[in-house]
Amino acid sequence: GAEAIFAIGTISGTQQVKGVVAGEGKV
């Protein structure tokens, strides 16, 4: 009888700054 919302997501890739790898971001 209640309104429900379920969510799923991901962020995944390599962070680059001016073409230089600065780190990977994955969550």
PDB file of all heavy atoms in Angstrom:
ATOM      1  N   GLY A   1       0.786  -1.223   0.000  1.00  0.00           N
ATOM      2  CA  GLY A   1       0.000   0.000   0.000  1.00  0.00           C
ATOM      3  C   GLY A   1       0.819   1.275   0.000  1.00  0.00           C
ATOM      4  O   GLY A   1       0.260   2.369  -0.045  1.00  0.00           O
ATOM      5  N   ALA A   2       2.133   1.145   0.057  1.00  0.00           N
ATOM      6  CA  ALA A   2       3.018   2.309   0.042  1.00  0.00           C
ATOM      7  C   ALA A   2       3.695   2.422  -1.319  1.00  0.00           C
ATOM      8  O   ALA A   2       3.832   1.442  -2.051  1.00  0.00           O
ATOM      9  CB  ALA A   2       4.068   2.200   1.137  1.00  0.00           C
ATOM     10  N   GLU A   3       4.121   3.613  -1.643  1.00  0.00           N
ATOM     11  CA  GLU A   3       4.870   3.839  -2.866  1.00  0.00           C
ATOM     12  C   GLU A   3       6.331   3.485  -2.612  1.00  0.00           C
ATOM     13  O   GLU A   3       6.947   3.977  -1.670  1.00  0.00           O
ATOM     14  CB  GLU A   3       4.743   5.296  -3.288  1.00  0.00           C
ATOM     15  CG  GLU A   3       5.345   5.588  -4.647  1.00  0.00           C
ATOM     16  CD  GLU A   3       5.133   7.029  -5.062  1.00  0.00           C
ATOM     17  OE1 GLU A   3       5.772   7.905  -4.437  1.00  0.00           O
ATOM     18  OE2 GLU A   3       4.347   7.272  -5.982  1.00  0.00           O
ATOM     19  N   ALA A   4       6.888   2.623  -3.471  1.00  0.00           N
ATOM     20  CA  ALA A   4       8.250   2.125  -3.271  1.00  0.00           C
ATOM     21  C   ALA A   4       9.113   2.448  -4.479  1.00  0.00           C
ATOM     22  O   ALA A   4       8.641   2.422  -5.619  1.00  0.00           O
ATOM     23  CB  ALA A   4       8.248   0.626  -3.025  1.00  0.00           C
ATOM     24  N   ILE A   5      10.379   2.777  -4.217  1.00  0.00           N
ATOM     25  CA  ILE A   5      11.363   2.986  -5.278  1.00  0.00           C
ATOM     26  C   ILE A   5      12.628   2.223  -4.901  1.00  0.00           C
ATOM     27  O   ILE A   5      13.098   2.300  -3.764  1.00  0.00           O
ATOM     28  CB  ILE A   5      11.692   4.471  -5.475  1.00  0.00           C
ATOM     29  CG1 ILE A   5      10.438   5.266  -5.836  1.00  0.00           C
ATOM     30  CG2 ILE A   5      12.735   4.643  -6.577  1.00  0.00           C
ATOM     31  CD1 ILE A   5      10.682   6.738  -6.070  1.00  0.00           C
ATOM     32  N   PHE A   6      13.163   1.482  -5.876  1.00  0.00           N
ATOM     33  CA  PHE A   6      14.406   0.756  -5.686  1.00  0.00           C
ATOM     34  C   PHE A   6      15.406   1.230  -6.732  1.00  0.00           C
ATOM     35  O   PHE A   6      15.041   1.445  -7.896  1.00  0.00           O
ATOM     36  CB  PHE A   6      14.175  -0.750  -5.819  1.00  0.00           C
ATOM     37  CG  PHE A   6      13.182  -1.298  -4.835  1.00  0.00           C
ATOM     38  CD1 PHE A   6      11.855  -1.475  -5.198  1.00  0.00           C
ATOM     39  CD2 PHE A   6      13.575  -1.613  -3.547  1.00  0.00           C
ATOM     40  CE1 PHE A   6      10.930  -1.968  -4.291  1.00  0.00           C
ATOM     41  CE2 PHE A   6      12.655  -2.106  -2.624  1.00  0.00           C
ATOM     42  CZ  PHE A   6      11.329  -2.285  -3.004  1.00  0.00           C
ATOM     43  N   ALA A   7      16.661   1.405  -6.327  1.00  0.00           N
ATOM     44  CA  ALA A   7      17.672   1.965  -7.218  1.00  0.00           C
ATOM     45  C   ALA A   7      18.946   1.148  -7.183  1.00  0.00           C
ATOM     46  O   ALA A   7      19.281   0.525  -6.170  1.00  0.00           O
ATOM     47  CB  ALA A   7      17.983   3.412  -6.826  1.00  0.00           C
ATOM     48  N   ILE A   8      19.649   1.165  -8.305  1.00  0.00           N
ATOM     49  CA  ILE A   8      20.942   0.516  -8.414  1.00  0.00           C
ATOM     50  C   ILE A   8      21.792   1.327  -9.388  1.00  0.00           C
ATOM     51  O   ILE A   8      21.256   1.882 -10.362  1.00  0.00           O
ATOM     52  CB  ILE A   8      20.806  -0.943  -8.909  1.00  0.00           C
ATOM     53  CG1 ILE A   8      22.167  -1.659  -8.908  1.00  0.00           C
ATOM     54  CG2 ILE A   8      20.143  -1.009 -10.280  1.00  0.00           C
ATOM     55  CD1 ILE A   8      22.058  -3.139  -9.188  1.00  0.00           C
ATOM     56  N   GLY A   9      23.084   1.439  -9.111  1.00  0.00           N
ATOM     57  CA  GLY A   9      23.924   2.226 -10.006  1.00  0.00           C
ATOM     58  C   GLY A   9      25.401   1.966  -9.793  1.00  0.00           C
ATOM     59  O   GLY A   9      25.815   1.383  -8.786  1.00  0.00           O
ATOM     60  N   THR A  10      26.188   2.418 -10.754  1.00  0.00           N
ATOM     61  CA  THR A  10      27.637   2.277 -10.645  1.00  0.00           C
ATOM     62  C   THR A  10      28.333   3.401 -11.408  1.00  0.00           C
ATOM     63  O   THR A  10      27.811   3.902 -12.411  1.00  0.00           O
ATOM     64  CB  THR A  10      28.109   0.913 -11.183  1.00  0.00           C
ATOM     65  OG1 THR A  10      29.522   0.782 -10.980  1.00  0.00           O
ATOM     66  CG2 THR A  10      27.816   0.772 -12.667  1.00  0.00           C
ATOM     67  N   ILE A  11      29.473   3.800 -10.910  1.00  0.00           N
ATOM     68  CA  ILE A  11      30.397   4.692 -11.615  1.00  0.00           C
ATOM     69  C   ILE A  11      31.723   3.950 -11.677  1.00  0.00           C
ATOM     70  O   ILE A  11      32.231   3.494 -10.651  1.00  0.00           O
ATOM     71  CB  ILE A  11      30.581   6.028 -10.890  1.00  0.00           C
ATOM     72  CG1 ILE A  11      29.250   6.773 -10.781  1.00  0.00           C
ATOM     73  CG2 ILE A  11      31.606   6.907 -11.617  1.00  0.00           C
ATOM     74  CD1 ILE A  11      29.327   8.033  -9.927  1.00  0.00           C
ATOM     75  N   SER A  12      32.287   3.803 -12.872  1.00  0.00           N
ATOM     76  CA  SER A  12      33.516   3.022 -12.993  1.00  0.00           C
ATOM     77  C   SER A  12      34.306   3.490 -14.204  1.00  0.00           C
ATOM     78  O   SER A  12      33.794   3.493 -15.325  1.00  0.00           O
ATOM     79  CB  SER A  12      33.188   1.530 -13.125  1.00  0.00           C
ATOM     80  OG  SER A  12      34.368   0.759 -13.215  1.00  0.00           O
ATOM     81  N   GLY A  13      35.540   3.906 -13.974  1.00  0.00           N
ATOM     82  CA  GLY A  13      36.370   4.348 -15.075  1.00  0.00           C
ATOM     83  C   GLY A  13      37.657   4.967 -14.573  1.00  0.00           C
ATOM     84  O   GLY A  13      37.937   4.998 -13.377  1.00  0.00           O
ATOM     85  N   THR A  14      38.448   5.472 -15.487  1.00  0.00           N
ATOM     86  CA  THR A  14      39.736   6.080 -15.172  1.00  0.00           C
ATOM     87  C   THR A  14      39.650   7.595 -15.269  1.00  0.00           C
ATOM     88  O   THR A  14      39.187   8.136 -16.268  1.00  0.00           O
ATOM     89  CB  THR A  14      40.829   5.584 -16.128  1.00  0.00           C
ATOM     90  OG1 THR A  14      40.931   4.165 -16.024  1.00  0.00           O
ATOM     91  CG2 THR A  14      42.177   6.189 -15.768  1.00  0.00           C
ATOM     92  N   GLN A  15      40.060   8.262 -14.215  1.00  0.00           N
ATOM     93  CA  GLN A  15      40.106   9.719 -14.202  1.00  0.00           C
ATOM     94  C   GLN A  15      41.413  10.172 -14.860  1.00  0.00           C
ATOM     95  O   GLN A  15      42.497   9.781 -14.430  1.00  0.00           O
ATOM     96  CB  GLN A  15      40.063  10.240 -12.769  1.00  0.00           C
ATOM     97  CG  GLN A  15      40.188  11.745 -12.630  1.00  0.00           C
ATOM     98  CD  GLN A  15      38.846  12.444 -12.731  1.00  0.00           C
ATOM     99  OE1 GLN A  15      37.997  12.273 -11.902  1.00  0.00           O
ATOM    100  NE2 GLN A  15      38.683  13.271 -13.757  1.00  0.00           N
ATOM    101  N   GLN A  16      41.274  10.989 -15.890  1.00  0.00           N
ATOM    102  CA  GLN A  16      42.452  11.527 -16.560  1.00  0.00           C
ATOM    103  C   GLN A  16      42.414  13.048 -16.517  1.00  0.00           C
ATOM    104  O   GLN A  16      41.357  13.661 -16.641  1.00  0.00           O
ATOM    105  CB  GLN A  16      42.514  11.055 -18.016  1.00  0.00           C
ATOM    106  CG  GLN A  16      42.674   9.555 -18.155  1.00  0.00           C
ATOM    107  CD  GLN A  16      42.883   9.134 -19.596  1.00  0.00           C
ATOM    108  OE1 GLN A  16      43.190   9.949 -20.448  1.00  0.00           O
ATOM    109  NE2 GLN A  16      42.722   7.848 -19.854  1.00  0.00           N
ATOM    110  N   VAL A  17      43.558  13.629 -16.314  1.00  0.00           N
ATOM    111  CA  VAL A  17      43.703  15.079 -16.307  1.00  0.00           C
ATOM    112  C   VAL A  17      44.726  15.459 -17.360  1.00  0.00           C
ATOM    113  O   VAL A  17      45.904  15.094 -17.253  1.00  0.00           O
ATOM    114  CB  VAL A  17      44.133  15.596 -14.919  1.00  0.00           C
ATOM    115  CG1 VAL A  17      44.312  17.101 -14.946  1.00  0.00           C
ATOM    116  CG2 VAL A  17      43.101  15.204 -13.865  1.00  0.00           C
ATOM    117  N   LYS A  18      44.261  16.150 -18.405  1.00  0.00           N
ATOM    118  CA  LYS A  18      45.118  16.527 -19.528  1.00  0.00           C
ATOM    119  C   LYS A  18      45.852  15.319 -20.106  1.00  0.00           C
ATOM    120  O   LYS A  18      47.040  15.357 -20.419  1.00  0.00           O
ATOM    121  CB  LYS A  18      46.118  17.608 -19.096  1.00  0.00           C
ATOM    122  CG  LYS A  18      45.454  18.919 -18.702  1.00  0.00           C
ATOM    123  CD  LYS A  18      46.480  19.981 -18.329  1.00  0.00           C
ATOM    124  CE  LYS A  18      45.815  21.302 -17.988  1.00  0.00           C
ATOM    125  NZ  LYS A  18      46.794  22.353 -17.626  1.00  0.00           N
ATOM    126  N   GLY A  19      45.117  14.196 -20.218  1.00  0.00           N
ATOM    127  CA  GLY A  19      45.668  12.995 -20.817  1.00  0.00           C
ATOM    128  C   GLY A  19      46.512  12.139 -19.902  1.00  0.00           C
ATOM    129  O   GLY A  19      46.981  11.077 -20.298  1.00  0.00           O
ATOM    130  N   VAL A  20      46.707  12.563 -18.656  1.00  0.00           N
ATOM    131  CA  VAL A  20      47.523  11.807 -17.701  1.00  0.00           C
ATOM    132  C   VAL A  20      46.598  11.134 -16.689  1.00  0.00           C
ATOM    133  O   VAL A  20      45.722  11.780 -16.111  1.00  0.00           O
ATOM    134  CB  VAL A  20      48.515  12.729 -16.969  1.00  0.00           C
ATOM    135  CG1 VAL A  20      49.327  11.923 -15.946  1.00  0.00           C
ATOM    136  CG2 VAL A  20      49.444  13.400 -17.973  1.00  0.00           C
ATOM    137  N   VAL A  21      46.784   9.834 -16.467  1.00  0.00           N
ATOM    138  CA  VAL A  21      45.944   9.099 -15.528  1.00  0.00           C
ATOM    139  C   VAL A  21      46.173   9.616 -14.109  1.00  0.00           C
ATOM    140  O   VAL A  21      47.304   9.639 -13.618  1.00  0.00           O
ATOM    141  CB  VAL A  21      46.252   7.590 -15.587  1.00  0.00           C
ATOM    142  CG1 VAL A  21      45.467   6.848 -14.515  1.00  0.00           C
ATOM    143  CG2 VAL A  21      45.895   7.051 -16.973  1.00  0.00           C
ATOM    144  N   ALA A  22      45.106  10.054 -13.452  1.00  0.00           N
ATOM    145  CA  ALA A  22      45.207  10.551 -12.082  1.00  0.00           C
ATOM    146  C   ALA A  22      44.612   9.583 -11.082  1.00  0.00           C
ATOM    147  O   ALA A  22      44.767   9.763  -9.881  1.00  0.00           O
ATOM    148  CB  ALA A  22      44.499  11.911 -11.962  1.00  0.00           C
ATOM    149  N   GLY A  23      43.929   8.557 -11.553  1.00  0.00           N
ATOM    150  CA  GLY A  23      43.359   7.576 -10.646  1.00  0.00           C
ATOM    151  C   GLY A  23      42.128   6.923 -11.225  1.00  0.00           C
ATOM    152  O   GLY A  23      41.554   7.400 -12.198  1.00  0.00           O
ATOM    153  N   GLU A  24      41.753   5.810 -10.619  1.00  0.00           N
ATOM    154  CA  GLU A  24      40.535   5.115 -11.034  1.00  0.00           C
ATOM    155  C   GLU A  24      39.417   5.426 -10.058  1.00  0.00           C
ATOM    156  O   GLU A  24      39.618   5.499  -8.849  1.00  0.00           O
ATOM    157  CB  GLU A  24      40.768   3.609 -11.073  1.00  0.00           C
ATOM    158  CG  GLU A  24      39.544   2.843 -11.574  1.00  0.00           C
ATOM    159  CD  GLU A  24      39.736   1.339 -11.507  1.00  0.00           C
ATOM    160  OE1 GLU A  24      40.322   0.874 -10.516  1.00  0.00           O
ATOM    161  OE2 GLU A  24      39.303   0.651 -12.434  1.00  0.00           O
ATOM    162  N   GLY A  25      38.219   5.619 -10.587  1.00  0.00           N
ATOM    163  CA  GLY A  25      37.055   5.812  -9.753  1.00  0.00           C
ATOM    164  C   GLY A  25      36.079   4.678  -9.963  1.00  0.00           C
ATOM    165  O   GLY A  25      35.625   4.441 -11.083  1.00  0.00           O
ATOM    166  N   LYS A  26      35.760   3.951  -8.905  1.00  0.00           N
ATOM    167  CA  LYS A  26      34.851   2.825  -9.026  1.00  0.00           C
ATOM    168  C   LYS A  26      33.985   2.756  -7.774  1.00  0.00           C
ATOM    169  O   LYS A  26      34.504   2.694  -6.651  1.00  0.00           O
ATOM    170  CB  LYS A  26      35.629   1.529  -9.208  1.00  0.00           C
ATOM    171  CG  LYS A  26      34.736   0.295  -9.386  1.00  0.00           C
ATOM    172  CD  LYS A  26      35.560  -0.970  -9.522  1.00  0.00           C
ATOM    173  CE  LYS A  26      36.330  -0.970 -10.844  1.00  0.00           C
ATOM    174  NZ  LYS A  26      37.034  -2.265 -11.053  1.00  0.00           N
ATOM    175  N   VAL A  27      32.651   2.771  -7.961  1.00  0.00           N
ATOM    176  CA  VAL A  27      31.738   2.676  -6.830  1.00  0.00           C
ATOM    177  C   VAL A  27      30.433   2.045  -7.303  1.00  0.00           C
ATOM    178  O   VAL A  27      30.019   2.208  -8.451  1.00  0.00           O
ATOM    179  CB  VAL A  27      31.481   4.070  -6.208  1.00  0.00           C
ATOM    180  CG1 VAL A  27      30.763   4.989  -7.192  1.00  0.00           C
ATOM    181  CG2 VAL A  27      30.693   3.964  -4.905  1.00  0.00           C
TER     182      VAL A  27
END
